Amino acid sequence: MNPLFRAAKQNRIFQDVVEQIQEAIIQGRLKVGDRLPAERELKEMLQTSRSTLREALRVLEQKGLIEIKLGMGGGAVVKAVSSDMVAESLDLLIRSQKVSLRHIAEFRERVEGDVVELATRQMTESDRIYLKNLLEEARQCVNRGTEAVSEFLTADKNIHLGFAKLTGNPIYISILKTIHENIRRYYDEYLVMEEREMNENFKDLEDVVAAMEAGDAKRAGSIARAHVSRFNGYMETREQQNLK
């Protein structure tokens, strides 16, 4: 049986320790819930110092690959790989003003349009029912009016993420989840969502789903792109007004 780790390369010892443990997790040699060997054993395997090993484990924890538990029965435990760290990174980019409304709109117009087209081409009957149910949740929010704006925005997000889910592509699903988890701060600051906007937003979503149900992928994608572009335009206008 091959050893879990080898002696770290001395000329790049810290980086090598991080990469070895990371690869063991990614390749499945260490699975979710597995506990890494004890610190003393890891030091012997990797032939590294305690300080280097602990710093490497902190980096892996920051990456979301492990969780370091303290106390009796503690240690480094492997976590499931998720999009949480990506979402946090995008959140930091947005908060530091490195990602603008225009950047997000350019990305969403192209990607979400393509996602809707792909989802349309492979949609099943159960997918149609799934979208109808999501659309009905949004409709109920619209019927309640502006008191349900927050719930409507959540329903709107679920529909957009639903389109991604129907592609079956984990890259689309993860990236768009990250985008929609972080775009809410722009909505809160720049999006005016009165009854007119709620109805307009819902009509767009309804038209996208109708085109998907009809099997018209190009039209569905076109409506999705126009929807993103128009509502981003509303927010950019409000943003410019706030700067005056």
Protein backbone atom coordinates (compact mmCIF):
# COMPACT_ATOMS: atom_id res chain seq x y z
CA MET A 1 0.00 0.00 0.00
CA ASN A 2 1.40 3.40 -1.02
CA PRO A 3 1.96 5.89 1.83
CA LEU A 4 -0.56 8.74 2.05
CA PHE A 5 2.20 11.38 1.94
CA ARG A 6 5.91 11.57 1.12
CA ALA A 7 8.65 13.80 2.48
CA ALA A 8 8.03 17.37 1.33
CA LYS A 9 10.42 18.97 -1.13
CA GLN A 10 12.78 21.02 0.99
CA ASN A 11 13.19 23.83 -1.54
CA ARG A 12 9.44 24.56 -1.47
CA ILE A 13 8.40 22.77 1.68
CA PHE A 14 5.37 24.85 2.71
CA GLN A 15 3.80 24.85 -0.77
CA ASP A 16 4.48 21.12 -1.18
CA VAL A 17 2.80 20.26 2.12
CA VAL A 18 -0.33 22.21 1.08
CA GLU A 19 -0.37 20.63 -2.40
CA GLN A 20 0.09 17.06 -1.14
CA ILE A 21 -2.80 17.24 1.32
CA GLN A 22 -4.96 19.10 -1.19
CA GLU A 23 -4.34 16.49 -3.89
CA ALA A 24 -5.11 13.64 -1.48
CA ILE A 25 -8.51 15.26 -0.86
CA ILE A 26 -9.24 16.07 -4.51
CA GLN A 27 -8.23 12.59 -5.69
CA GLY A 28 -10.43 10.95 -3.05
CA ARG A 29 -7.64 9.31 -1.09
CA LEU A 30 -8.97 11.38 1.79
CA LYS A 31 -12.76 11.49 1.79
CA VAL A 32 -15.30 13.82 3.38
CA GLY A 33 -15.36 13.20 7.11
CA ASP A 34 -11.93 11.53 7.19
CA ARG A 35 -9.57 12.76 9.88
CA LEU A 36 -6.04 13.60 8.82
CA PRO A 37 -3.28 11.73 10.65
CA ALA A 38 -2.26 13.21 13.98
CA GLU A 39 0.16 16.13 13.93
CA ARG A 40 3.12 14.01 15.09
CA GLU A 41 2.45 11.43 12.37
CA LEU A 42 2.01 14.08 9.67
CA LYS A 43 5.29 15.71 10.68
CA GLU A 44 7.09 12.39 10.29
CA MET A 45 5.43 11.59 6.95
CA LEU A 46 6.13 15.00 5.46
CA GLN A 47 9.40 15.59 7.33
CA THR A 48 8.48 19.13 8.16
CA SER A 49 8.38 21.34 11.23
CA ARG A 50 5.34 21.82 13.46
CA SER A 51 5.07 25.51 12.51
CA THR A 52 5.14 24.78 8.76
CA LEU A 53 2.57 22.01 9.12
CA ARG A 54 0.20 24.15 11.19
CA GLU A 55 0.44 27.04 8.74
CA ALA A 56 -0.28 24.66 5.84
CA LEU A 57 -3.34 23.33 7.65
CA ARG A 58 -4.59 26.88 8.23
CA VAL A 59 -4.30 27.56 4.49
CA LEU A 60 -6.24 24.38 3.70
CA GLU A 61 -8.91 25.44 6.20
CA GLN A 62 -9.16 28.85 4.52
CA LYS A 63 -9.64 27.07 1.20
CA GLY A 64 -12.57 25.21 2.74
CA LEU A 65 -10.97 21.79 2.28
CA ILE A 66 -10.62 20.90 5.96
CA GLU A 67 -12.04 21.93 9.32
CA ILE A 68 -9.72 22.11 12.30
CA LYS A 69 -11.50 20.94 15.45
CA LEU A 70 -10.09 21.72 18.88
CA GLY A 71 -10.20 19.81 22.14
CA MET A 72 -10.47 16.09 22.85
CA GLY A 73 -10.99 14.14 19.66
CA GLY A 74 -10.02 17.20 17.64
CA GLY A 75 -7.83 17.43 14.58
CA ALA A 76 -8.13 18.23 10.89
CA VAL A 77 -11.25 16.78 9.26
CA VAL A 78 -11.91 16.75 5.50
CA LYS A 79 -14.86 18.88 4.34
CA ALA A 80 -16.98 18.59 1.21
CA VAL A 81 -15.74 20.79 -1.63
CA SER A 82 -18.29 23.56 -2.18
CA SER A 83 -18.71 26.90 -3.93
CA ASP A 84 -18.74 28.76 -0.61
CA MET A 85 -15.17 29.99 -0.91
CA VAL A 86 -15.79 31.18 -4.46
CA ALA A 87 -18.84 33.08 -3.24
CA GLU A 88 -16.81 34.66 -0.45
CA SER A 89 -14.10 35.71 -2.90
CA LEU A 90 -16.65 37.33 -5.20
CA ASP A 91 -18.25 39.00 -2.21
CA LEU A 92 -14.88 40.56 -1.35
CA LEU A 93 -14.40 41.69 -4.95
CA ILE A 94 -17.82 43.35 -4.97
CA ARG A 95 -17.33 45.01 -1.59
CA SER A 96 -13.93 46.34 -2.66
CA GLN A 97 -15.58 47.74 -5.82
CA LYS A 98 -13.49 45.56 -8.14
CA VAL A 99 -16.68 44.18 -9.75
CA SER A 100 -19.17 46.72 -11.10
CA LEU A 101 -22.81 46.43 -12.07
CA ARG A 102 -21.69 46.52 -15.70
CA HIS A 103 -19.22 43.66 -15.16
CA ILE A 104 -21.94 41.49 -13.65
CA ALA A 105 -24.44 42.40 -16.37
CA GLU A 106 -21.99 41.60 -19.19
CA PHE A 107 -21.34 38.22 -17.63
CA ARG A 108 -24.98 37.41 -16.90
CA GLU A 109 -26.33 38.50 -20.28
CA ARG A 110 -24.09 36.07 -22.09
CA VAL A 111 -23.93 33.18 -19.64
CA GLU A 112 -27.56 33.16 -18.51
CA GLY A 113 -28.76 33.46 -22.09
CA ASP A 114 -26.65 30.44 -23.05
CA VAL A 115 -27.80 28.56 -19.94
CA VAL A 116 -31.46 29.10 -20.83
CA GLU A 117 -30.85 27.90 -24.40
CA LEU A 118 -29.06 24.76 -23.20
CA ALA A 119 -31.72 24.04 -20.58
CA THR A 120 -34.45 24.40 -23.23
CA ARG A 121 -32.84 21.88 -25.56
CA GLN A 122 -32.72 19.16 -22.92
CA MET A 123 -35.81 19.96 -20.87
CA THR A 124 -37.99 17.05 -19.74
CA GLU A 125 -41.60 16.94 -18.57
CA SER A 126 -40.49 16.87 -14.94
CA ASP A 127 -38.32 19.92 -15.65
CA ARG A 128 -41.38 21.76 -17.00
CA ILE A 129 -43.29 20.99 -13.81
CA TYR A 130 -40.30 22.12 -11.74
CA LEU A 131 -40.16 25.50 -13.53
CA LYS A 132 -43.93 25.94 -13.31
CA ASN A 133 -43.77 25.45 -9.54
CA LEU A 134 -40.97 28.02 -9.22
CA LEU A 135 -42.92 30.43 -11.39
CA GLU A 136 -46.03 29.96 -9.26
CA GLU A 137 -44.06 30.90 -6.12
CA ALA A 138 -43.00 34.13 -7.84
CA ARG A 139 -46.59 34.78 -8.99
CA GLN A 140 -47.89 34.53 -5.44
CA CYS A 141 -45.34 37.13 -4.33
CA VAL A 142 -46.40 39.48 -7.14
CA ASN A 143 -50.03 39.07 -6.12
CA ARG A 144 -49.14 40.20 -2.58
CA GLY A 145 -47.55 43.37 -3.90
CA THR A 146 -44.66 45.37 -2.51
CA GLU A 147 -44.93 43.83 0.96
CA ALA A 148 -43.47 40.67 -0.63
CA VAL A 149 -40.54 42.26 -2.50
CA SER A 150 -37.91 40.38 -0.49
CA GLU A 151 -39.67 37.05 -1.04
CA PHE A 152 -40.10 37.90 -4.73
CA LEU A 153 -36.37 38.53 -5.16
CA THR A 154 -35.70 35.16 -3.56
CA ALA A 155 -38.20 33.51 -5.91
CA ASP A 156 -36.58 35.32 -8.84
CA LYS A 157 -33.17 34.00 -7.78
CA ASN A 158 -34.55 30.46 -7.48
CA ILE A 159 -35.89 30.62 -11.05
CA HIS A 160 -32.55 31.80 -12.46
CA LEU A 161 -30.75 29.07 -10.51
CA GLY A 162 -33.40 26.64 -11.71
CA PHE A 163 -32.43 27.36 -15.32
CA ALA A 164 -28.81 26.53 -14.43
CA LYS A 165 -29.88 23.35 -12.63
CA LEU A 166 -31.67 22.08 -15.74
CA THR A 167 -28.42 22.19 -17.73
CA GLY A 168 -26.97 19.50 -15.47
CA ASN A 169 -23.63 21.32 -15.76
CA PRO A 170 -22.02 21.77 -12.33
CA ILE A 171 -19.86 24.66 -13.58
CA TYR A 172 -22.89 26.72 -14.65
CA ILE A 173 -24.69 25.76 -11.44
CA SER A 174 -21.80 26.74 -9.17
CA ILE A 175 -20.87 29.99 -10.93
CA LEU A 176 -24.43 31.29 -11.19
CA LYS A 177 -25.14 30.34 -7.59
CA THR A 178 -22.12 32.42 -6.63
CA ILE A 179 -23.31 35.38 -8.73
CA HIS A 180 -26.86 35.31 -7.37
CA GLU A 181 -25.68 34.87 -3.77
CA ASN A 182 -23.74 38.12 -4.10
CA ILE A 183 -25.85 40.33 -6.37
CA ARG A 184 -28.47 41.00 -3.67
CA ARG A 185 -26.36 43.84 -2.21
CA TYR A 186 -26.77 45.70 -5.54
CA TYR A 187 -30.51 45.06 -5.54
CA ASP A 188 -30.79 46.45 -2.01
CA GLU A 189 -28.91 49.61 -2.97
CA TYR A 190 -29.96 50.36 -6.55
CA LEU A 191 -33.03 48.36 -7.55
CA VAL A 192 -36.40 50.08 -7.15
CA MET A 193 -38.94 47.26 -7.01
CA GLU A 194 -42.46 48.66 -6.93
CA GLU A 195 -45.52 46.86 -8.29
CA ARG A 196 -44.72 47.93 -11.87
CA GLU A 197 -41.20 46.49 -11.71
CA MET A 198 -42.39 43.32 -9.98
CA ASN A 199 -44.95 42.73 -12.72
CA GLU A 200 -42.43 43.52 -15.45
CA ASN A 201 -39.85 41.20 -13.92
CA PHE A 202 -42.37 38.40 -13.53
CA LYS A 203 -43.64 38.83 -17.12
CA ASP A 204 -40.07 38.40 -18.39
CA LEU A 205 -39.64 35.19 -16.41
CA GLU A 206 -43.03 33.94 -17.55
CA ASP A 207 -42.09 34.64 -21.19
CA VAL A 208 -38.76 32.83 -20.80
CA VAL A 209 -40.48 29.73 -19.41
CA ALA A 210 -43.18 29.87 -22.10
CA ALA A 211 -40.50 29.96 -24.84
CA MET A 212 -38.70 27.06 -23.15
CA GLU A 213 -41.89 25.03 -23.01
CA ALA A 214 -42.41 25.72 -26.72
CA GLY A 215 -38.91 24.42 -27.39
CA ASP A 216 -37.77 27.77 -28.80
CA ALA A 217 -34.28 27.92 -27.30
CA LYS A 218 -33.16 31.01 -29.23
CA ARG A 219 -36.18 33.05 -28.19
CA ALA A 220 -35.89 31.93 -24.57
CA GLY A 221 -32.23 32.93 -24.48
CA SER A 222 -32.95 36.26 -26.16
CA ILE A 223 -35.64 37.14 -23.60
CA ALA A 224 -33.32 36.18 -20.74
CA ARG A 225 -30.54 38.42 -22.10
CA ALA A 226 -32.89 41.35 -22.62
CA HIS A 227 -34.29 40.88 -19.11
CA VAL A 228 -30.86 41.05 -17.48
CA SER A 229 -29.82 44.01 -19.62
CA ARG A 230 -32.97 46.05 -18.93
CA PHE A 231 -33.03 45.59 -15.16
CA ASN A 232 -29.31 46.25 -14.94
CA GLY A 233 -29.96 49.46 -16.87
CA TYR A 234 -32.45 50.49 -14.21
CA MET A 235 -29.83 49.92 -11.51
CA GLU A 236 -27.07 51.73 -13.40
CA THR A 237 -29.35 54.75 -13.81
CA ARG A 238 -30.05 54.77 -10.07
CA GLU A 239 -26.33 54.36 -9.37
CA GLN A 240 -25.49 57.40 -11.49
CA GLN A 241 -28.21 59.45 -9.79
CA ASN A 242 -26.73 58.58 -6.39
CA LEU A 243 -23.31 59.80 -7.52
CA LYS A 244 -24.60 63.27 -8.44
